[in-house]
Full PDB file with SEQRES, HELIX, SHEET, SSBOND, CRYST1, ORIGX, SCALE, CONECT and MASTER records, all heavy atoms in Angstrom:
SEQRES   1 A   35  ILE GLU GLU LEU PHE ALA GLU LEU LYS VAL ASP GLY ASP          
SEQRES   2 A   35  ALA PHE THR PRO VAL VAL LEU ASN ARG GLU ASP HIS ALA          
SEQRES   3 A   35  SER ALA PHE ALA ALA TYR ASN ALA GLN                          
HELIX    1 AA1 GLU A    2  GLU A    7  1                                   6    
HELIX    2 AA2 ALA A   26  ALA A   31  1                                   6    
CRYST1    1.000    1.000    1.000  90.00  90.00  90.00 P 1           1          
ORIGX1      1.000000  0.000000  0.000000        0.00000                         
ORIGX2      0.000000  1.000000  0.000000        0.00000                         
ORIGX3      0.000000  0.000000  1.000000        0.00000                         
SCALE1      1.000000  0.000000  0.000000        0.00000                         
SCALE2      0.000000  1.000000  0.000000        0.00000                         
SCALE3      0.000000  0.000000  1.000000        0.00000                         
ATOM      1  N   ILE A   1      50.976 -19.532  48.244  1.00  0.00           N  
ATOM      2  CA  ILE A   1      51.931 -20.357  48.980  1.00  0.00           C  
ATOM      3  C   ILE A   1      51.225 -21.570  49.570  1.00  0.00           C  
ATOM      4  O   ILE A   1      51.776 -22.676  49.578  1.00  0.00           O  
ATOM      5  CB  ILE A   1      52.627 -19.524  50.079  1.00  0.00           C  
ATOM      6  CG1 ILE A   1      53.309 -18.291  49.477  1.00  0.00           C  
ATOM      7  CG2 ILE A   1      53.639 -20.380  50.832  1.00  0.00           C  
ATOM      8  CD1 ILE A   1      54.301 -18.589  48.392  1.00  0.00           C  
ATOM      9  N   GLU A   2      49.984 -21.382  50.039  1.00  0.00           N  
ATOM     10  CA  GLU A   2      49.203 -22.528  50.522  1.00  0.00           C  
ATOM     11  C   GLU A   2      48.986 -23.535  49.403  1.00  0.00           C  
ATOM     12  O   GLU A   2      49.049 -24.746  49.624  1.00  0.00           O  
ATOM     13  CB  GLU A   2      47.861 -22.047  51.076  1.00  0.00           C  
ATOM     14  CG  GLU A   2      47.959 -21.348  52.425  1.00  0.00           C  
ATOM     15  CD  GLU A   2      46.593 -21.055  53.016  1.00  0.00           C  
ATOM     16  OE1 GLU A   2      45.633 -20.900  52.233  1.00  0.00           O  
ATOM     17  OE2 GLU A   2      46.487 -20.992  54.260  1.00  0.00           O  
ATOM     18  N   GLU A   3      48.726 -23.045  48.202  1.00  0.00           N  
ATOM     19  CA  GLU A   3      48.546 -23.929  47.046  1.00  0.00           C  
ATOM     20  C   GLU A   3      49.832 -24.693  46.750  1.00  0.00           C  
ATOM     21  O   GLU A   3      49.806 -25.892  46.429  1.00  0.00           O  
ATOM     22  CB  GLU A   3      48.103 -23.124  45.822  1.00  0.00           C  
ATOM     23  CG  GLU A   3      46.710 -22.528  45.938  1.00  0.00           C  
ATOM     24  CD  GLU A   3      46.359 -21.657  44.750  1.00  0.00           C  
ATOM     25  OE1 GLU A   3      47.168 -21.597  43.784  1.00  0.00           O  
ATOM     26  OE2 GLU A   3      45.282 -21.032  44.773  1.00  0.00           O  
ATOM     27  N   LEU A   4      50.962 -23.999  46.856  1.00  0.00           N  
ATOM     28  CA  LEU A   4      52.260 -24.657  46.641  1.00  0.00           C  
ATOM     29  C   LEU A   4      52.450 -25.794  47.635  1.00  0.00           C  
ATOM     30  O   LEU A   4      52.818 -26.911  47.245  1.00  0.00           O  
ATOM     31  CB  LEU A   4      53.386 -23.639  46.794  1.00  0.00           C  
ATOM     32  CG  LEU A   4      54.816 -24.208  46.847  1.00  0.00           C  
ATOM     33  CD1 LEU A   4      55.209 -24.780  45.488  1.00  0.00           C  
ATOM     34  CD2 LEU A   4      55.812 -23.133  47.301  1.00  0.00           C  
ATOM     35  N   PHE A   5      52.186 -25.527  48.913  1.00  0.00           N  
ATOM     36  CA  PHE A   5      52.379 -26.550  49.944  1.00  0.00           C  
ATOM     37  C   PHE A   5      51.478 -27.754  49.695  1.00  0.00           C  
ATOM     38  O   PHE A   5      51.878 -28.902  49.933  1.00  0.00           O  
ATOM     39  CB  PHE A   5      52.113 -25.962  51.334  1.00  0.00           C  
ATOM     40  CG  PHE A   5      53.109 -24.921  51.771  1.00  0.00           C  
ATOM     41  CD1 PHE A   5      52.810 -24.028  52.802  1.00  0.00           C  
ATOM     42  CD2 PHE A   5      54.345 -24.811  51.147  1.00  0.00           C  
ATOM     43  CE1 PHE A   5      53.730 -23.071  53.206  1.00  0.00           C  
ATOM     44  CE2 PHE A   5      55.275 -23.846  51.545  1.00  0.00           C  
ATOM     45  CZ  PHE A   5      54.958 -22.971  52.569  1.00  0.00           C  
ATOM     46  N   ALA A   6      50.274 -27.507  49.215  1.00  0.00           N  
ATOM     47  CA  ALA A   6      49.337 -28.604  48.957  1.00  0.00           C  
ATOM     48  C   ALA A   6      49.799 -29.478  47.801  1.00  0.00           C  
ATOM     49  O   ALA A   6      49.478 -30.678  47.745  1.00  0.00           O  
ATOM     50  CB  ALA A   6      47.946 -28.042  48.665  1.00  0.00           C  
ATOM     51  N   GLU A   7      50.544 -28.891  46.867  1.00  0.00           N  
ATOM     52  CA  GLU A   7      50.996 -29.632  45.678  1.00  0.00           C  
ATOM     53  C   GLU A   7      52.287 -30.412  45.923  1.00  0.00           C  
ATOM     54  O   GLU A   7      52.628 -31.306  45.140  1.00  0.00           O  
ATOM     55  CB  GLU A   7      51.211 -28.654  44.518  1.00  0.00           C  
ATOM     56  CG  GLU A   7      49.924 -28.000  44.023  1.00  0.00           C  
ATOM     57  CD  GLU A   7      50.192 -26.884  43.049  1.00  0.00           C  
ATOM     58  OE1 GLU A   7      51.401 -26.588  42.807  1.00  0.00           O  
ATOM     59  OE2 GLU A   7      49.233 -26.289  42.521  1.00  0.00           O  
ATOM     60  N   LEU A   8      53.027 -30.091  46.995  1.00  0.00           N  
ATOM     61  CA  LEU A   8      54.339 -30.708  47.221  1.00  0.00           C  
ATOM     62  C   LEU A   8      54.179 -32.066  47.904  1.00  0.00           C  
ATOM     63  O   LEU A   8      54.504 -32.240  49.077  1.00  0.00           O  
ATOM     64  CB  LEU A   8      55.219 -29.779  48.067  1.00  0.00           C  
ATOM     65  CG  LEU A   8      55.614 -28.448  47.439  1.00  0.00           C  
ATOM     66  CD1 LEU A   8      56.428 -27.613  48.423  1.00  0.00           C  
ATOM     67  CD2 LEU A   8      56.408 -28.665  46.153  1.00  0.00           C  
ATOM     68  N   LYS A   9      53.702 -33.034  47.156  1.00  0.00           N  
ATOM     69  CA  LYS A   9      53.548 -34.386  47.672  1.00  0.00           C  
ATOM     70  C   LYS A   9      54.542 -35.311  46.992  1.00  0.00           C  
ATOM     71  O   LYS A   9      54.814 -35.181  45.797  1.00  0.00           O  
ATOM     72  CB  LYS A   9      52.125 -34.914  47.438  1.00  0.00           C  
ATOM     73  CG  LYS A   9      51.055 -34.236  48.274  1.00  0.00           C  
ATOM     74  CD  LYS A   9      49.711 -34.896  48.049  1.00  0.00           C  
ATOM     75  CE  LYS A   9      48.626 -34.260  48.907  1.00  0.00           C  
ATOM     76  NZ  LYS A   9      47.311 -34.907  48.695  1.00  0.00           N  
ATOM     77  N   VAL A  10      55.073 -36.247  47.764  1.00  0.00           N  
ATOM     78  CA  VAL A  10      56.010 -37.232  47.224  1.00  0.00           C  
ATOM     79  C   VAL A  10      55.552 -38.616  47.692  1.00  0.00           C  
ATOM     80  O   VAL A  10      55.477 -38.874  48.897  1.00  0.00           O  
ATOM     81  CB  VAL A  10      57.454 -36.977  47.703  1.00  0.00           C  
ATOM     82  CG1 VAL A  10      58.396 -38.016  47.104  1.00  0.00           C  
ATOM     83  CG2 VAL A  10      57.903 -35.578  47.315  1.00  0.00           C  
ATOM     84  N   ASP A  11      55.231 -39.475  46.735  1.00  0.00           N  
ATOM     85  CA  ASP A  11      54.820 -40.843  47.063  1.00  0.00           C  
ATOM     86  C   ASP A  11      53.673 -40.849  48.081  1.00  0.00           C  
ATOM     87  O   ASP A  11      53.617 -41.672  48.988  1.00  0.00           O  
ATOM     88  CB  ASP A  11      56.011 -41.630  47.622  1.00  0.00           C  
ATOM     89  CG  ASP A  11      55.658 -43.105  47.826  1.00  0.00           C  
ATOM     90  OD1 ASP A  11      55.031 -43.675  46.925  1.00  0.00           O  
ATOM     91  OD2 ASP A  11      55.996 -43.647  48.888  1.00  0.00           O  
ATOM     92  N   GLY A  12      52.742 -39.935  47.931  1.00  0.00           N  
ATOM     93  CA  GLY A  12      51.589 -39.916  48.817  1.00  0.00           C  
ATOM     94  C   GLY A  12      51.831 -39.274  50.157  1.00  0.00           C  
ATOM     95  O   GLY A  12      50.882 -39.033  50.911  1.00  0.00           O  
ATOM     96  N   ASP A  13      53.105 -39.014  50.506  1.00  0.00           N  
ATOM     97  CA  ASP A  13      53.395 -38.329  51.762  1.00  0.00           C  
ATOM     98  C   ASP A  13      53.071 -36.850  51.602  1.00  0.00           C  
ATOM     99  O   ASP A  13      53.631 -36.166  50.736  1.00  0.00           O  
ATOM    100  CB  ASP A  13      54.883 -38.459  52.133  1.00  0.00           C  
ATOM    101  CG  ASP A  13      55.197 -39.786  52.787  1.00  0.00           C  
ATOM    102  OD1 ASP A  13      54.247 -40.469  53.198  1.00  0.00           O  
ATOM    103  OD2 ASP A  13      56.379 -40.140  52.873  1.00  0.00           O  
ATOM    104  N   ALA A  14      52.162 -36.348  52.422  1.00  0.00           N  
ATOM    105  CA  ALA A  14      51.849 -34.930  52.362  1.00  0.00           C  
ATOM    106  C   ALA A  14      53.066 -34.125  52.799  1.00  0.00           C  
ATOM    107  O   ALA A  14      53.791 -34.505  53.715  1.00  0.00           O  
ATOM    108  CB  ALA A  14      50.656 -34.628  53.259  1.00  0.00           C  
ATOM    109  N   PHE A  15      53.278 -33.025  52.119  1.00  0.00           N  
ATOM    110  CA  PHE A  15      54.310 -32.089  52.537  1.00  0.00           C  
ATOM    111  C   PHE A  15      53.869 -31.465  53.860  1.00  0.00           C  
ATOM    112  O   PHE A  15      52.694 -31.157  54.056  1.00  0.00           O  
ATOM    113  CB  PHE A  15      54.484 -31.028  51.455  1.00  0.00           C  
ATOM    114  CG  PHE A  15      55.458 -29.948  51.799  1.00  0.00           C  
ATOM    115  CD1 PHE A  15      56.820 -30.162  51.706  1.00  0.00           C  
ATOM    116  CD2 PHE A  15      55.009 -28.698  52.222  1.00  0.00           C  
ATOM    117  CE1 PHE A  15      57.724 -29.164  52.021  1.00  0.00           C  
ATOM    118  CE2 PHE A  15      55.905 -27.694  52.530  1.00  0.00           C  
ATOM    119  CZ  PHE A  15      57.267 -27.924  52.438  1.00  0.00           C  
ATOM    120  N   THR A  16      54.831 -31.279  54.779  1.00  0.00           N  
ATOM    121  CA  THR A  16      54.490 -30.754  56.113  1.00  0.00           C  
ATOM    122  C   THR A  16      55.032 -29.335  56.255  1.00  0.00           C  
ATOM    123  O   THR A  16      56.220 -29.138  56.498  1.00  0.00           O  
ATOM    124  CB  THR A  16      55.083 -31.646  57.222  1.00  0.00           C  
ATOM    125  OG1 THR A  16      54.620 -32.978  57.052  1.00  0.00           O  
ATOM    126  CG2 THR A  16      54.683 -31.135  58.596  1.00  0.00           C  
ATOM    127  N   PRO A  17      54.145 -28.322  56.110  1.00  0.00           N  
ATOM    128  CA  PRO A  17      54.601 -26.949  56.336  1.00  0.00           C  
ATOM    129  C   PRO A  17      54.526 -26.596  57.825  1.00  0.00           C  
ATOM    130  O   PRO A  17      53.550 -26.933  58.502  1.00  0.00           O  
ATOM    131  CB  PRO A  17      53.619 -26.118  55.519  1.00  0.00           C  
ATOM    132  CG  PRO A  17      52.361 -26.921  55.500  1.00  0.00           C  
ATOM    133  CD  PRO A  17      52.766 -28.378  55.607  1.00  0.00           C  
ATOM    134  N   VAL A  18      55.546 -25.945  58.324  1.00  0.00           N  
ATOM    135  CA  VAL A  18      55.564 -25.445  59.700  1.00  0.00           C  
ATOM    136  C   VAL A  18      55.597 -23.922  59.615  1.00  0.00           C  
ATOM    137  O   VAL A  18      56.578 -23.347  59.135  1.00  0.00           O  
ATOM    138  CB  VAL A  18      56.785 -25.976  60.478  1.00  0.00           C  
ATOM    139  CG1 VAL A  18      56.760 -25.461  61.917  1.00  0.00           C  
ATOM    140  CG2 VAL A  18      56.824 -27.501  60.447  1.00  0.00           C  
ATOM    141  N   VAL A  19      54.517 -23.292  60.048  1.00  0.00           N  
ATOM    142  CA  VAL A  19      54.386 -21.849  59.933  1.00  0.00           C  
ATOM    143  C   VAL A  19      54.769 -21.199  61.262  1.00  0.00           C  
ATOM    144  O   VAL A  19      54.242 -21.563  62.317  1.00  0.00           O  
ATOM    145  CB  VAL A  19      52.957 -21.453  59.535  1.00  0.00           C  
ATOM    146  CG1 VAL A  19      52.843 -19.927  59.417  1.00  0.00           C  
ATOM    147  CG2 VAL A  19      52.573 -22.116  58.222  1.00  0.00           C  
ATOM    148  N   LEU A  20      55.687 -20.248  61.196  1.00  0.00           N  
ATOM    149  CA  LEU A  20      56.208 -19.588  62.390  1.00  0.00           C  
ATOM    150  C   LEU A  20      55.923 -18.095  62.318  1.00  0.00           C  
ATOM    151  O   LEU A  20      56.132 -17.467  61.276  1.00  0.00           O  
ATOM    152  CB  LEU A  20      57.714 -19.828  62.494  1.00  0.00           C  
ATOM    153  CG  LEU A  20      58.113 -21.320  62.555  1.00  0.00           C  
ATOM    154  CD1 LEU A  20      59.489 -21.535  61.978  1.00  0.00           C  
ATOM    155  CD2 LEU A  20      58.053 -21.824  63.982  1.00  0.00           C  
ATOM    156  N   ASN A  21      55.411 -17.529  63.425  1.00  0.00           N  
ATOM    157  CA  ASN A  21      55.144 -16.090  63.462  1.00  0.00           C  
ATOM    158  C   ASN A  21      56.108 -15.395  64.402  1.00  0.00           C  
ATOM    159  O   ASN A  21      56.632 -15.998  65.342  1.00  0.00           O  
ATOM    160  CB  ASN A  21      53.696 -15.812  63.855  1.00  0.00           C  
ATOM    161  CG  ASN A  21      53.415 -16.144  65.317  1.00  0.00           C  
ATOM    162  OD1 ASN A  21      53.757 -15.382  66.225  1.00  0.00           O  
ATOM    163  ND2 ASN A  21      52.785 -17.297  65.550  1.00  0.00           N  
ATOM    164  N   ARG A  22      56.355 -14.147  64.144  1.00  0.00           N  
ATOM    165  CA  ARG A  22      57.403 -13.430  64.854  1.00  0.00           C  
ATOM    166  C   ARG A  22      57.087 -13.253  66.333  1.00  0.00           C  
ATOM    167  O   ARG A  22      57.977 -13.340  67.184  1.00  0.00           O  
ATOM    168  CB  ARG A  22      57.653 -12.072  64.201  1.00  0.00           C  
ATOM    169  CG  ARG A  22      58.900 -11.366  64.739  1.00  0.00           C  
ATOM    170  CD  ARG A  22      59.136 -10.053  64.020  1.00  0.00           C  
ATOM    171  NE  ARG A  22      59.440 -10.212  62.608  1.00  0.00           N  
ATOM    172  CZ  ARG A  22      60.652 -10.476  62.131  1.00  0.00           C  
ATOM    173  NH1 ARG A  22      61.672 -10.666  62.962  1.00  0.00           N  
ATOM    174  NH2 ARG A  22      60.854 -10.587  60.828  1.00  0.00           N  
ATOM    175  N   GLU A  23      55.833 -13.013  66.690  1.00  0.00           N  
ATOM    176  CA  GLU A  23      55.505 -12.747  68.090  1.00  0.00           C  
ATOM    177  C   GLU A  23      55.752 -13.966  68.967  1.00  0.00           C  
ATOM    178  O   GLU A  23      56.329 -13.857  70.054  1.00  0.00           O  
ATOM    179  CB  GLU A  23      54.042 -12.306  68.212  1.00  0.00           C  
ATOM    180  CG  GLU A  23      53.628 -12.010  69.649  1.00  0.00           C  
ATOM    181  CD  GLU A  23      52.198 -11.532  69.756  1.00  0.00           C  
ATOM    182  OE1 GLU A  23      51.542 -11.325  68.711  1.00  0.00           O  
ATOM    183  OE2 GLU A  23      51.719 -11.361  70.899  1.00  0.00           O  
ATOM    184  N   ASP A  24      55.321 -15.141  68.513  1.00  0.00           N  
ATOM    185  CA  ASP A  24      55.430 -16.349  69.329  1.00  0.00           C  
ATOM    186  C   ASP A  24      56.741 -17.091  69.136  1.00  0.00           C  
ATOM    187  O   ASP A  24      57.138 -17.889  69.993  1.00  0.00           O  
ATOM    188  CB  ASP A  24      54.262 -17.303  69.014  1.00  0.00           C  
ATOM    189  CG  ASP A  24      52.917 -16.709  69.364  1.00  0.00           C  
ATOM    190  OD1 ASP A  24      52.856 -15.944  70.357  1.00  0.00           O  
ATOM    191  OD2 ASP A  24      51.939 -16.988  68.645  1.00  0.00           O  
ATOM    192  N   HIS A  25      57.407 -16.877  68.012  1.00  0.00           N  
ATOM    193  CA  HIS A  25      58.567 -17.694  67.657  1.00  0.00           C  
ATOM    194  C   HIS A  25      59.773 -16.828  67.306  1.00  0.00           C  
ATOM    195  O   HIS A  25      60.487 -17.098  66.339  1.00  0.00           O  
ATOM    196  CB  HIS A  25      58.209 -18.614  66.490  1.00  0.00           C  
ATOM    197  CG  HIS A  25      56.930 -19.371  66.690  1.00  0.00           C  
ATOM    198  ND1 HIS A  25      55.925 -19.399  65.747  1.00  0.00           N  
ATOM    199  CD2 HIS A  25      56.490 -20.115  67.743  1.00  0.00           C  
ATOM    200  CE1 HIS A  25      54.917 -20.135  66.187  1.00  0.00           C  
ATOM    201  NE2 HIS A  25      55.240 -20.577  67.404  1.00  0.00           N  
ATOM    202  N   ALA A  26      60.006 -15.819  68.113  1.00  0.00           N  
ATOM    203  CA  ALA A  26      61.092 -14.877  67.837  1.00  0.00           C  
ATOM    204  C   ALA A  26      62.451 -15.570  67.808  1.00  0.00           C  
ATOM    205  O   ALA A  26      63.322 -15.224  66.999  1.00  0.00           O  
ATOM    206  CB  ALA A  26      61.088 -13.750  68.866  1.00  0.00           C  
ATOM    207  N   SER A  27      62.657 -16.560  68.688  1.00  0.00           N  
ATOM    208  CA  SER A  27      63.960 -17.225  68.725  1.00  0.00           C  
ATOM    209  C   SER A  27      64.211 -18.015  67.446  1.00  0.00           C  
ATOM    210  O   SER A  27      65.345 -18.119  66.979  1.00  0.00           O  
ATOM    211  CB  SER A  27      64.060 -18.143  69.947  1.00  0.00           C  
ATOM    212  OG  SER A  27      63.156 -19.236  69.836  1.00  0.00           O  
ATOM    213  N   ALA A  28      63.153 -18.585  66.860  1.00  0.00           N  
ATOM    214  CA  ALA A  28      63.313 -19.302  65.592  1.00  0.00           C  
ATOM    215  C   ALA A  28      63.634 -18.327  64.464  1.00  0.00           C  
ATOM    216  O   ALA A  28      64.477 -18.610  63.597  1.00  0.00           O  
ATOM    217  CB  ALA A  28      62.045 -20.091  65.266  1.00  0.00           C  
ATOM    218  N   PHE A  29      62.976 -17.160  64.457  1.00  0.00           N  
ATOM    219  CA  PHE A  29      63.301 -16.135  63.463  1.00  0.00           C  
ATOM    220  C   PHE A  29      64.780 -15.771  63.544  1.00  0.00           C  
ATOM    221  O   PHE A  29      65.469 -15.656  62.523  1.00  0.00           O  
ATOM    222  CB  PHE A  29      62.439 -14.886  63.704  1.00  0.00           C  
ATOM    223  CG  PHE A  29      61.167 -14.851  62.916  1.00  0.00           C  
ATOM    224  CD1 PHE A  29      60.089 -15.660  63.260  1.00  0.00           C  
ATOM    225  CD2 PHE A  29      61.029 -14.012  61.823  1.00  0.00           C  
ATOM    226  CE1 PHE A  29      58.904 -15.630  62.547  1.00  0.00           C  
ATOM    227  CE2 PHE A  29      59.847 -13.965  61.091  1.00  0.00           C  
ATOM    228  CZ  PHE A  29      58.778 -14.779  61.449  1.00  0.00           C  
ATOM    229  N   ALA A  30      65.269 -15.590  64.767  1.00  0.00           N  
ATOM    230  CA  ALA A  30      66.671 -15.195  64.936  1.00  0.00           C  
ATOM    231  C   ALA A  30      67.618 -16.311  64.517  1.00  0.00           C  
ATOM    232  O   ALA A  30      68.621 -16.070  63.830  1.00  0.00           O  
ATOM    233  CB  ALA A  30      66.915 -14.802  66.388  1.00  0.00           C  
ATOM    234  N   ALA A  31      67.315 -17.550  64.937  1.00  0.00           N  
ATOM    235  CA  ALA A  31      68.203 -18.673  64.640  1.00  0.00           C  
ATOM    236  C   ALA A  31      68.321 -18.917  63.142  1.00  0.00           C  
ATOM    237  O   ALA A  31      69.383 -19.312  62.645  1.00  0.00           O  
ATOM    238  CB  ALA A  31      67.703 -19.930  65.341  1.00  0.00           C  
ATOM    239  N   TYR A  32      67.223 -18.676  62.408  1.00  0.00           N  
ATOM    240  CA  TYR A  32      67.208 -18.941  60.967  1.00  0.00           C  
ATOM    241  C   TYR A  32      67.419 -17.668  60.141  1.00  0.00           C  
ATOM    242  O   TYR A  32      67.292 -17.706  58.924  1.00  0.00           O  
ATOM    243  CB  TYR A  32      65.890 -19.612  60.582  1.00  0.00           C  
ATOM    244  CG  TYR A  32      65.860 -21.091  60.946  1.00  0.00           C  
ATOM    245  CD1 TYR A  32      65.489 -21.506  62.220  1.00  0.00           C  
ATOM    246  CD2 TYR A  32      66.226 -22.057  60.022  1.00  0.00           C  
ATOM    247  CE1 TYR A  32      65.469 -22.850  62.559  1.00  0.00           C  
ATOM    248  CE2 TYR A  32      66.214 -23.403  60.347  1.00  0.00           C  
ATOM    249  CZ  TYR A  32      65.834 -23.805  61.626  1.00  0.00           C  
ATOM    250  OH  TYR A  32      65.835 -25.135  61.951  1.00  0.00           O  
ATOM    251  N   ASN A  33      67.775 -16.554  60.817  1.00  0.00           N  
ATOM    252  CA  ASN A  33      68.025 -15.290  60.123  1.00  0.00           C  
ATOM    253  C   ASN A  33      66.876 -14.981  59.163  1.00  0.00           C  
ATOM    254  O   ASN A  33      67.069 -14.663  57.987  1.00  0.00           O  
ATOM    255  CB  ASN A  33      69.354 -15.362  59.372  1.00  0.00           C  
ATOM    256  CG  ASN A  33      69.807 -14.016  58.826  1.00  0.00           C  
ATOM    257  OD1 ASN A  33      70.263 -13.921  57.695  1.00  0.00           O  
ATOM    258  ND2 ASN A  33      69.680 -12.966  59.610  1.00  0.00           N  
ATOM    259  N   ALA A  34      65.644 -15.101  59.685  1.00  0.00           N  
ATOM    260  CA  ALA A  34      64.455 -15.045  58.850  1.00  0.00           C  
ATOM    261  C   ALA A  34      63.775 -13.687  58.897  1.00  0.00           C  
ATOM    262  O   ALA A  34      63.880 -12.937  59.870  1.00  0.00           O  
ATOM    263  CB  ALA A  34      63.468 -16.130  59.288  1.00  0.00           C  
ATOM    264  N   GLN A  35      63.066 -13.404  57.835  1.00  0.00           N  
ATOM    265  CA  GLN A  35      62.149 -12.274  57.749  1.00  0.00           C  
ATOM    266  C   GLN A  35      60.805 -12.840  57.291  1.00  0.00           C  
ATOM    267  O   GLN A  35      60.675 -14.028  57.011  1.00  0.00           O  
ATOM    268  CB  GLN A  35      62.653 -11.236  56.745  1.00  0.00           C  
ATOM    269  CG  GLN A  35      62.729 -11.771  55.313  1.00  0.00           C  
ATOM    270  CD  GLN A  35      63.300 -10.772  54.333  1.00  0.00           C  
ATOM    271  OE1 GLN A  35      64.116  -9.942  54.691  1.00  0.00           O  
ATOM    272  NE2 GLN A  35      62.877 -10.864  53.075  1.00  0.00           N  
TER     273      GLN A  35                                                      
MASTER        0    0    0    2    0    0    0    6  272    1    0    3          
END                                                                             
């Protein structure tokens, strides 16, 4: 997945991954119905 994020470039703009973990970002997990 890290390799995928590194390859997702458009016109030189680096792709920006935002990594969220359950302990610190529980409200984001809930809002996005994420696992």
